[in-house]
Amino acid sequence: MRYVTPRKAAVGLGASHTGTEHHWWMTVSSAALALLTPSFLMVMGTALQLPERADILLYFTRPYPAIVVAIFMTLGMMHFIKGSRIMIDDYLEHTARKVAIIGFSIFGWAVIAFTLFALARIQLAFAQAI
């Protein structure tokens, strides 16, 4: 007979051996997003108040706005991908589950790629203009 203590059961991380890790990642990323959201809103609010497109592009060449947007969008979309995986696992089965996981993952990584590409393109365009 094998006796498993509560600590031993918790260390095992459940049937898939990733539940606790996933929970901690979601908790930490949501706390980081909660702290980062006011900065992101201030950056975007400032950008929306600028009158011309050139002024907005010039604003995002500054390090602080570009870094805040890059970190917020990357962390936010990774949080979205992992959170949507939980929702999909709970409500879909078989092929629909696989298609949904692939679709949500592609969408999340595409948003990250487009955001970082746009920020890099803005930086390079203004670096060449100088």
N, C-alpha and C. Protein backbone atom coordinates (compact mmCIF):
# COMPACT_ATOMS: atom_id res chain seq x y z
N MET A 1 0.85 -1.18 0.00
CA MET A 1 0.00 0.00 0.00
C MET A 1 0.89 1.24 0.00
N ARG A 2 0.52 2.20 -0.84
CA ARG A 2 1.30 3.42 -0.97
C ARG A 2 0.56 4.57 -0.32
N TYR A 3 1.23 5.28 0.55
CA TYR A 3 0.62 6.41 1.24
C TYR A 3 1.15 7.71 0.63
N VAL A 4 0.24 8.55 0.11
CA VAL A 4 0.62 9.82 -0.50
C VAL A 4 0.15 10.94 0.40
N THR A 5 1.10 11.72 0.89
CA THR A 5 0.76 12.85 1.75
C THR A 5 0.22 14.00 0.89
N PRO A 6 -0.49 14.96 1.49
CA PRO A 6 -0.98 16.10 0.71
C PRO A 6 0.15 16.86 0.00
N ARG A 7 1.30 16.98 0.65
CA ARG A 7 2.42 17.67 0.02
C ARG A 7 2.90 16.90 -1.20
N LYS A 8 3.01 15.60 -1.08
CA LYS A 8 3.46 14.78 -2.19
C LYS A 8 2.49 14.87 -3.37
N ALA A 9 1.20 14.93 -3.08
CA ALA A 9 0.21 15.06 -4.14
C ALA A 9 0.33 16.42 -4.83
N ALA A 10 0.63 17.46 -4.06
CA ALA A 10 0.77 18.80 -4.64
C ALA A 10 2.05 18.91 -5.46
N VAL A 11 3.11 18.27 -5.02
CA VAL A 11 4.37 18.32 -5.75
C VAL A 11 4.23 17.61 -7.09
N GLY A 12 3.36 16.61 -7.17
CA GLY A 12 3.15 15.90 -8.41
C GLY A 12 2.50 16.73 -9.50
N LEU A 13 1.93 17.88 -9.15
CA LEU A 13 1.33 18.83 -10.09
C LEU A 13 0.14 18.28 -10.84
N GLY A 14 -0.51 17.26 -10.36
CA GLY A 14 -1.71 16.75 -11.01
C GLY A 14 -1.41 15.74 -12.10
N ALA A 15 -2.45 15.39 -12.85
CA ALA A 15 -2.33 14.33 -13.84
C ALA A 15 -1.42 14.71 -15.01
N SER A 16 -1.46 15.96 -15.44
CA SER A 16 -0.64 16.35 -16.60
C SER A 16 0.72 16.91 -16.19
N HIS A 17 0.95 17.07 -14.90
CA HIS A 17 2.20 17.59 -14.35
C HIS A 17 2.49 19.03 -14.77
N THR A 18 1.46 19.79 -15.14
CA THR A 18 1.67 21.20 -15.52
C THR A 18 0.65 22.13 -14.89
N GLY A 19 -0.29 21.63 -14.14
CA GLY A 19 -1.38 22.46 -13.62
C GLY A 19 -0.91 23.56 -12.69
N THR A 20 -0.04 23.24 -11.75
CA THR A 20 0.43 24.24 -10.81
C THR A 20 1.29 25.28 -11.51
N GLU A 21 2.14 24.83 -12.39
CA GLU A 21 2.99 25.75 -13.15
C GLU A 21 2.14 26.71 -13.98
N HIS A 22 1.13 26.17 -14.63
CA HIS A 22 0.24 27.00 -15.45
C HIS A 22 -0.50 28.02 -14.58
N HIS A 23 -0.99 27.57 -13.44
CA HIS A 23 -1.70 28.48 -12.53
C HIS A 23 -0.80 29.61 -12.07
N TRP A 24 0.42 29.30 -11.69
CA TRP A 24 1.35 30.35 -11.24
C TRP A 24 1.70 31.30 -12.36
N TRP A 25 1.89 30.77 -13.58
CA TRP A 25 2.21 31.64 -14.71
C TRP A 25 1.05 32.60 -14.96
N MET A 26 -0.16 32.10 -14.92
CA MET A 26 -1.33 32.97 -15.15
C MET A 26 -1.46 34.00 -14.03
N THR A 27 -1.19 33.61 -12.80
CA THR A 27 -1.27 34.54 -11.68
C THR A 27 -0.23 35.64 -11.79
N VAL A 28 1.00 35.26 -12.08
CA VAL A 28 2.08 36.25 -12.20
C VAL A 28 1.86 37.16 -13.39
N SER A 29 1.45 36.60 -14.53
CA SER A 29 1.24 37.44 -15.71
C SER A 29 0.06 38.38 -15.52
N SER A 30 -0.98 37.93 -14.83
CA SER A 30 -2.12 38.84 -14.60
C SER A 30 -1.74 39.95 -13.64
N ALA A 31 -0.91 39.66 -12.63
CA ALA A 31 -0.44 40.71 -11.73
C ALA A 31 0.45 41.70 -12.48
N ALA A 32 1.32 41.21 -13.33
CA ALA A 32 2.18 42.09 -14.12
C ALA A 32 1.35 42.95 -15.07
N LEU A 33 0.33 42.37 -15.68
CA LEU A 33 -0.54 43.14 -16.56
C LEU A 33 -1.33 44.19 -15.78
N ALA A 34 -1.74 43.86 -14.57
CA ALA A 34 -2.47 44.83 -13.75
C ALA A 34 -1.59 46.02 -13.40
N LEU A 35 -0.31 45.77 -13.16
CA LEU A 35 0.62 46.87 -12.86
C LEU A 35 1.01 47.65 -14.12
N LEU A 36 1.05 46.98 -15.25
CA LEU A 36 1.48 47.61 -16.50
C LEU A 36 0.36 48.36 -17.22
N THR A 37 -0.89 48.01 -16.96
CA THR A 37 -2.01 48.61 -17.66
C THR A 37 -2.10 50.13 -17.52
N PRO A 38 -1.92 50.72 -16.33
CA PRO A 38 -1.97 52.18 -16.26
C PRO A 38 -0.93 52.87 -17.14
N SER A 39 0.28 52.33 -17.19
CA SER A 39 1.32 52.90 -18.05
C SER A 39 0.93 52.79 -19.52
N PHE A 40 0.40 51.63 -19.90
CA PHE A 40 -0.03 51.44 -21.29
C PHE A 40 -1.14 52.41 -21.65
N LEU A 41 -2.10 52.60 -20.75
CA LEU A 41 -3.20 53.53 -21.03
C LEU A 41 -2.71 54.96 -21.12
N MET A 42 -1.74 55.33 -20.30
CA MET A 42 -1.19 56.69 -20.38
C MET A 42 -0.44 56.89 -21.70
N VAL A 43 0.32 55.89 -22.12
CA VAL A 43 1.05 55.98 -23.39
C VAL A 43 0.07 56.10 -24.55
N MET A 44 -0.94 55.25 -24.57
CA MET A 44 -1.90 55.29 -25.68
C MET A 44 -2.76 56.54 -25.63
N GLY A 45 -3.11 56.99 -24.44
CA GLY A 45 -3.88 58.23 -24.32
C GLY A 45 -3.10 59.42 -24.83
N THR A 46 -1.82 59.48 -24.52
CA THR A 46 -0.97 60.55 -25.02
C THR A 46 -0.87 60.48 -26.54
N ALA A 47 -0.70 59.28 -27.07
CA ALA A 47 -0.60 59.13 -28.53
C ALA A 47 -1.89 59.54 -29.23
N LEU A 48 -3.02 59.25 -28.63
CA LEU A 48 -4.30 59.62 -29.25
C LEU A 48 -4.55 61.12 -29.24
N GLN A 49 -3.91 61.84 -28.34
CA GLN A 49 -4.11 63.29 -28.27
C GLN A 49 -3.23 64.04 -29.27
N LEU A 50 -2.26 63.38 -29.85
CA LEU A 50 -1.38 64.06 -30.79
C LEU A 50 -2.11 64.35 -32.09
N PRO A 51 -1.89 65.54 -32.68
CA PRO A 51 -2.72 65.96 -33.81
C PRO A 51 -2.38 65.30 -35.15
N GLU A 52 -1.12 65.06 -35.41
CA GLU A 52 -0.71 64.57 -36.73
C GLU A 52 -0.15 63.15 -36.65
N ARG A 53 -0.24 62.44 -37.76
CA ARG A 53 0.30 61.08 -37.83
C ARG A 53 1.80 61.08 -37.58
N ALA A 54 2.51 62.07 -38.13
CA ALA A 54 3.96 62.16 -37.95
C ALA A 54 4.32 62.35 -36.48
N ASP A 55 3.50 63.11 -35.75
CA ASP A 55 3.75 63.30 -34.32
C ASP A 55 3.57 61.99 -33.55
N ILE A 56 2.58 61.21 -33.94
CA ILE A 56 2.35 59.92 -33.29
C ILE A 56 3.52 58.98 -33.55
N LEU A 57 3.97 58.93 -34.80
CA LEU A 57 5.11 58.07 -35.13
C LEU A 57 6.37 58.53 -34.40
N LEU A 58 6.57 59.83 -34.32
CA LEU A 58 7.72 60.36 -33.60
C LEU A 58 7.63 60.02 -32.10
N TYR A 59 6.42 60.04 -31.56
CA TYR A 59 6.21 59.69 -30.14
C TYR A 59 6.64 58.25 -29.86
N PHE A 60 6.35 57.35 -30.79
CA PHE A 60 6.69 55.94 -30.58
C PHE A 60 8.15 55.63 -30.90
N THR A 61 8.93 56.62 -31.36
CA THR A 61 10.36 56.41 -31.50
C THR A 61 11.06 56.59 -30.16
N ARG A 62 10.39 57.22 -29.22
CA ARG A 62 10.96 57.37 -27.87
C ARG A 62 10.95 56.00 -27.19
N PRO A 63 11.98 55.73 -26.36
CA PRO A 63 12.09 54.38 -25.77
C PRO A 63 10.94 53.99 -24.84
N TYR A 64 10.51 54.89 -23.96
CA TYR A 64 9.50 54.50 -22.97
C TYR A 64 8.19 54.05 -23.61
N PRO A 65 7.59 54.84 -24.52
CA PRO A 65 6.34 54.36 -25.12
C PRO A 65 6.51 53.06 -25.91
N ALA A 66 7.60 52.93 -26.64
CA ALA A 66 7.81 51.73 -27.44
C ALA A 66 7.98 50.50 -26.55
N ILE A 67 8.74 50.63 -25.47
CA ILE A 67 8.97 49.50 -24.57
C ILE A 67 7.69 49.11 -23.84
N VAL A 68 6.93 50.10 -23.38
CA VAL A 68 5.68 49.80 -22.67
C VAL A 68 4.71 49.06 -23.59
N VAL A 69 4.56 49.54 -24.83
CA VAL A 69 3.65 48.88 -25.77
C VAL A 69 4.14 47.48 -26.10
N ALA A 70 5.43 47.32 -26.34
CA ALA A 70 5.97 46.00 -26.68
C ALA A 70 5.76 45.00 -25.54
N ILE A 71 6.09 45.39 -24.33
CA ILE A 71 5.94 44.48 -23.19
C ILE A 71 4.48 44.18 -22.92
N PHE A 72 3.63 45.21 -22.96
CA PHE A 72 2.21 45.01 -22.66
C PHE A 72 1.56 44.08 -23.69
N MET A 73 1.82 44.32 -24.96
CA MET A 73 1.19 43.48 -25.99
C MET A 73 1.74 42.05 -25.97
N THR A 74 3.03 41.89 -25.77
CA THR A 74 3.61 40.55 -25.73
C THR A 74 3.08 39.77 -24.53
N LEU A 75 3.15 40.37 -23.35
CA LEU A 75 2.67 39.69 -22.15
C LEU A 75 1.16 39.46 -22.21
N GLY A 76 0.44 40.45 -22.70
CA GLY A 76 -1.02 40.31 -22.80
C GLY A 76 -1.45 39.20 -23.75
N MET A 77 -0.77 39.09 -24.88
CA MET A 77 -1.15 38.05 -25.83
C MET A 77 -0.71 36.66 -25.35
N MET A 78 0.41 36.58 -24.65
CA MET A 78 0.81 35.28 -24.10
C MET A 78 -0.18 34.84 -23.02
N HIS A 79 -0.65 35.80 -22.23
CA HIS A 79 -1.68 35.52 -21.23
C HIS A 79 -2.97 35.07 -21.93
N PHE A 80 -3.31 35.73 -23.03
CA PHE A 80 -4.49 35.37 -23.81
C PHE A 80 -4.38 33.95 -24.36
N ILE A 81 -3.22 33.60 -24.90
CA ILE A 81 -3.03 32.27 -25.49
C ILE A 81 -3.20 31.19 -24.43
N LYS A 82 -2.56 31.38 -23.28
CA LYS A 82 -2.66 30.37 -22.22
C LYS A 82 -4.07 30.31 -21.62
N GLY A 83 -4.71 31.47 -21.46
CA GLY A 83 -6.06 31.49 -20.91
C GLY A 83 -7.08 30.89 -21.86
N SER A 84 -6.91 31.16 -23.15
CA SER A 84 -7.85 30.58 -24.12
C SER A 84 -7.68 29.07 -24.19
N ARG A 85 -6.48 28.58 -23.94
CA ARG A 85 -6.25 27.14 -23.95
C ARG A 85 -7.09 26.46 -22.86
N ILE A 86 -7.18 27.09 -21.70
CA ILE A 86 -8.00 26.53 -20.61
C ILE A 86 -9.46 26.50 -21.02
N MET A 87 -9.94 27.59 -21.60
CA MET A 87 -11.33 27.66 -22.03
C MET A 87 -11.62 26.59 -23.09
N ILE A 88 -10.72 26.45 -24.05
CA ILE A 88 -10.90 25.47 -25.12
C ILE A 88 -10.91 24.06 -24.54
N ASP A 89 -10.00 23.76 -23.64
CA ASP A 89 -9.95 22.42 -23.05
C ASP A 89 -11.22 22.10 -22.28
N ASP A 90 -11.85 23.10 -21.69
CA ASP A 90 -13.07 22.87 -20.91
C ASP A 90 -14.30 22.65 -21.78
N TYR A 91 -14.36 23.30 -22.94
CA TYR A 91 -15.62 23.31 -23.68
C TYR A 91 -15.61 22.63 -25.04
N LEU A 92 -14.46 22.29 -25.57
CA LEU A 92 -14.42 21.67 -26.89
C LEU A 92 -13.78 20.29 -26.82
N GLU A 93 -14.09 19.46 -27.81
CA GLU A 93 -13.55 18.11 -27.83
C GLU A 93 -13.01 17.78 -29.22
N HIS A 94 -12.10 16.84 -29.28
CA HIS A 94 -11.57 16.21 -30.48
C HIS A 94 -11.02 17.22 -31.48
N THR A 95 -11.49 17.18 -32.71
CA THR A 95 -10.94 18.01 -33.78
C THR A 95 -11.22 19.49 -33.54
N ALA A 96 -12.38 19.80 -33.02
CA ALA A 96 -12.70 21.21 -32.75
C ALA A 96 -11.71 21.79 -31.74
N ARG A 97 -11.31 21.00 -30.77
CA ARG A 97 -10.33 21.45 -29.78
C ARG A 97 -8.99 21.75 -30.45
N LYS A 98 -8.54 20.85 -31.30
CA LYS A 98 -7.25 21.04 -31.96
C LYS A 98 -7.27 22.26 -32.87
N VAL A 99 -8.34 22.42 -33.63
CA VAL A 99 -8.45 23.56 -34.54
C VAL A 99 -8.50 24.87 -33.75
N ALA A 100 -9.26 24.89 -32.67
CA ALA A 100 -9.37 26.11 -31.86
C ALA A 100 -8.05 26.47 -31.21
N ILE A 101 -7.34 25.49 -30.69
CA ILE A 101 -6.04 25.75 -30.07
C ILE A 101 -5.06 26.32 -31.09
N ILE A 102 -5.02 25.72 -32.27
CA ILE A 102 -4.14 26.21 -33.32
C ILE A 102 -4.55 27.62 -33.75
N GLY A 103 -5.84 27.84 -33.92
CA GLY A 103 -6.32 29.16 -34.34
C GLY A 103 -6.02 30.26 -33.33
N PHE A 104 -6.30 29.99 -32.06
CA PHE A 104 -6.04 31.00 -31.03
C PHE A 104 -4.55 31.25 -30.87
N SER A 105 -3.75 30.20 -30.99
CA SER A 105 -2.29 30.38 -30.88
C SER A 105 -1.75 31.20 -32.04
N ILE A 106 -2.20 30.88 -33.25
CA ILE A 106 -1.76 31.65 -34.42
C ILE A 106 -2.17 33.11 -34.28
N PHE A 107 -3.40 33.36 -33.84
CA PHE A 107 -3.86 34.74 -33.66
C PHE A 107 -3.00 35.49 -32.64
N GLY A 108 -2.75 34.87 -31.50
CA GLY A 108 -1.96 35.51 -30.46
C GLY A 108 -0.54 35.82 -30.90
N TRP A 109 0.11 34.84 -31.50
CA TRP A 109 1.49 35.07 -31.96
C TRP A 109 1.53 36.05 -33.12
N ALA A 110 0.49 36.08 -33.96
CA ALA A 110 0.45 37.06 -35.05
C ALA A 110 0.34 38.48 -34.51
N VAL A 111 -0.48 38.68 -33.49
CA VAL A 111 -0.61 40.01 -32.88
C VAL A 111 0.73 40.44 -32.28
N ILE A 112 1.42 39.53 -31.61
CA ILE A 112 2.74 39.85 -31.06
C ILE A 112 3.70 40.23 -32.19
N ALA A 113 3.72 39.42 -33.24
CA ALA A 113 4.64 39.68 -34.35
C ALA A 113 4.34 41.01 -35.03
N PHE A 114 3.06 41.30 -35.29
CA PHE A 114 2.70 42.56 -35.94
C PHE A 114 3.03 43.76 -35.07
N THR A 115 2.83 43.65 -33.76
CA THR A 115 3.15 44.75 -32.85
C THR A 115 4.64 45.03 -32.85
N LEU A 116 5.44 43.99 -32.69
CA LEU A 116 6.89 44.18 -32.65
C LEU A 116 7.42 44.63 -34.00
N PHE A 117 6.85 44.13 -35.09
CA PHE A 117 7.25 44.56 -36.43
C PHE A 117 6.93 46.03 -36.64
N ALA A 118 5.75 46.46 -36.23
CA ALA A 118 5.36 47.86 -36.40
C ALA A 118 6.27 48.78 -35.60
N LEU A 119 6.57 48.41 -34.36
CA LEU A 119 7.46 49.23 -33.54
C LEU A 119 8.87 49.28 -34.13
N ALA A 120 9.37 48.15 -34.61
CA ALA A 120 10.70 48.12 -35.23
C ALA A 120 10.72 48.94 -36.51
N ARG A 121 9.67 48.86 -37.28
CA ARG A 121 9.61 49.63 -38.53
C ARG A 121 9.59 51.13 -38.25
N ILE A 122 8.86 51.55 -37.23
CA ILE A 122 8.84 52.96 -36.85
C ILE A 122 10.24 53.40 -36.43
N GLN A 123 10.89 52.59 -35.60
CA GLN A 123 12.24 52.92 -35.15
C GLN A 123 13.21 53.04 -36.31
N LEU A 124 13.16 52.08 -37.23
CA LEU A 124 14.09 52.09 -38.37
C LEU A 124 13.81 53.23 -39.33
N ALA A 125 12.54 53.53 -39.54
CA ALA A 125 12.20 54.62 -40.46
C ALA A 125 12.73 55.96 -39.95
N PHE A 126 12.60 56.19 -38.67
CA PHE A 126 13.08 57.47 -38.13
C PHE A 126 14.58 57.46 -37.92
N ALA A 127 15.19 56.29 -37.74
CA ALA A 127 16.65 56.22 -37.63
C ALA A 127 17.29 56.56 -38.98
N GLN A 128 16.67 56.14 -40.08
CA GLN A 128 17.19 56.44 -41.41
C GLN A 128 16.96 57.90 -41.78
N ALA A 129 15.90 58.49 -41.23
CA ALA A 129 15.59 59.88 -41.56
C ALA A 129 16.55 60.85 -40.89
N ILE A 130 17.18 60.40 -39.83
CA ILE A 130 18.08 61.31 -39.08
C ILE A 130 19.44 61.39 -39.72
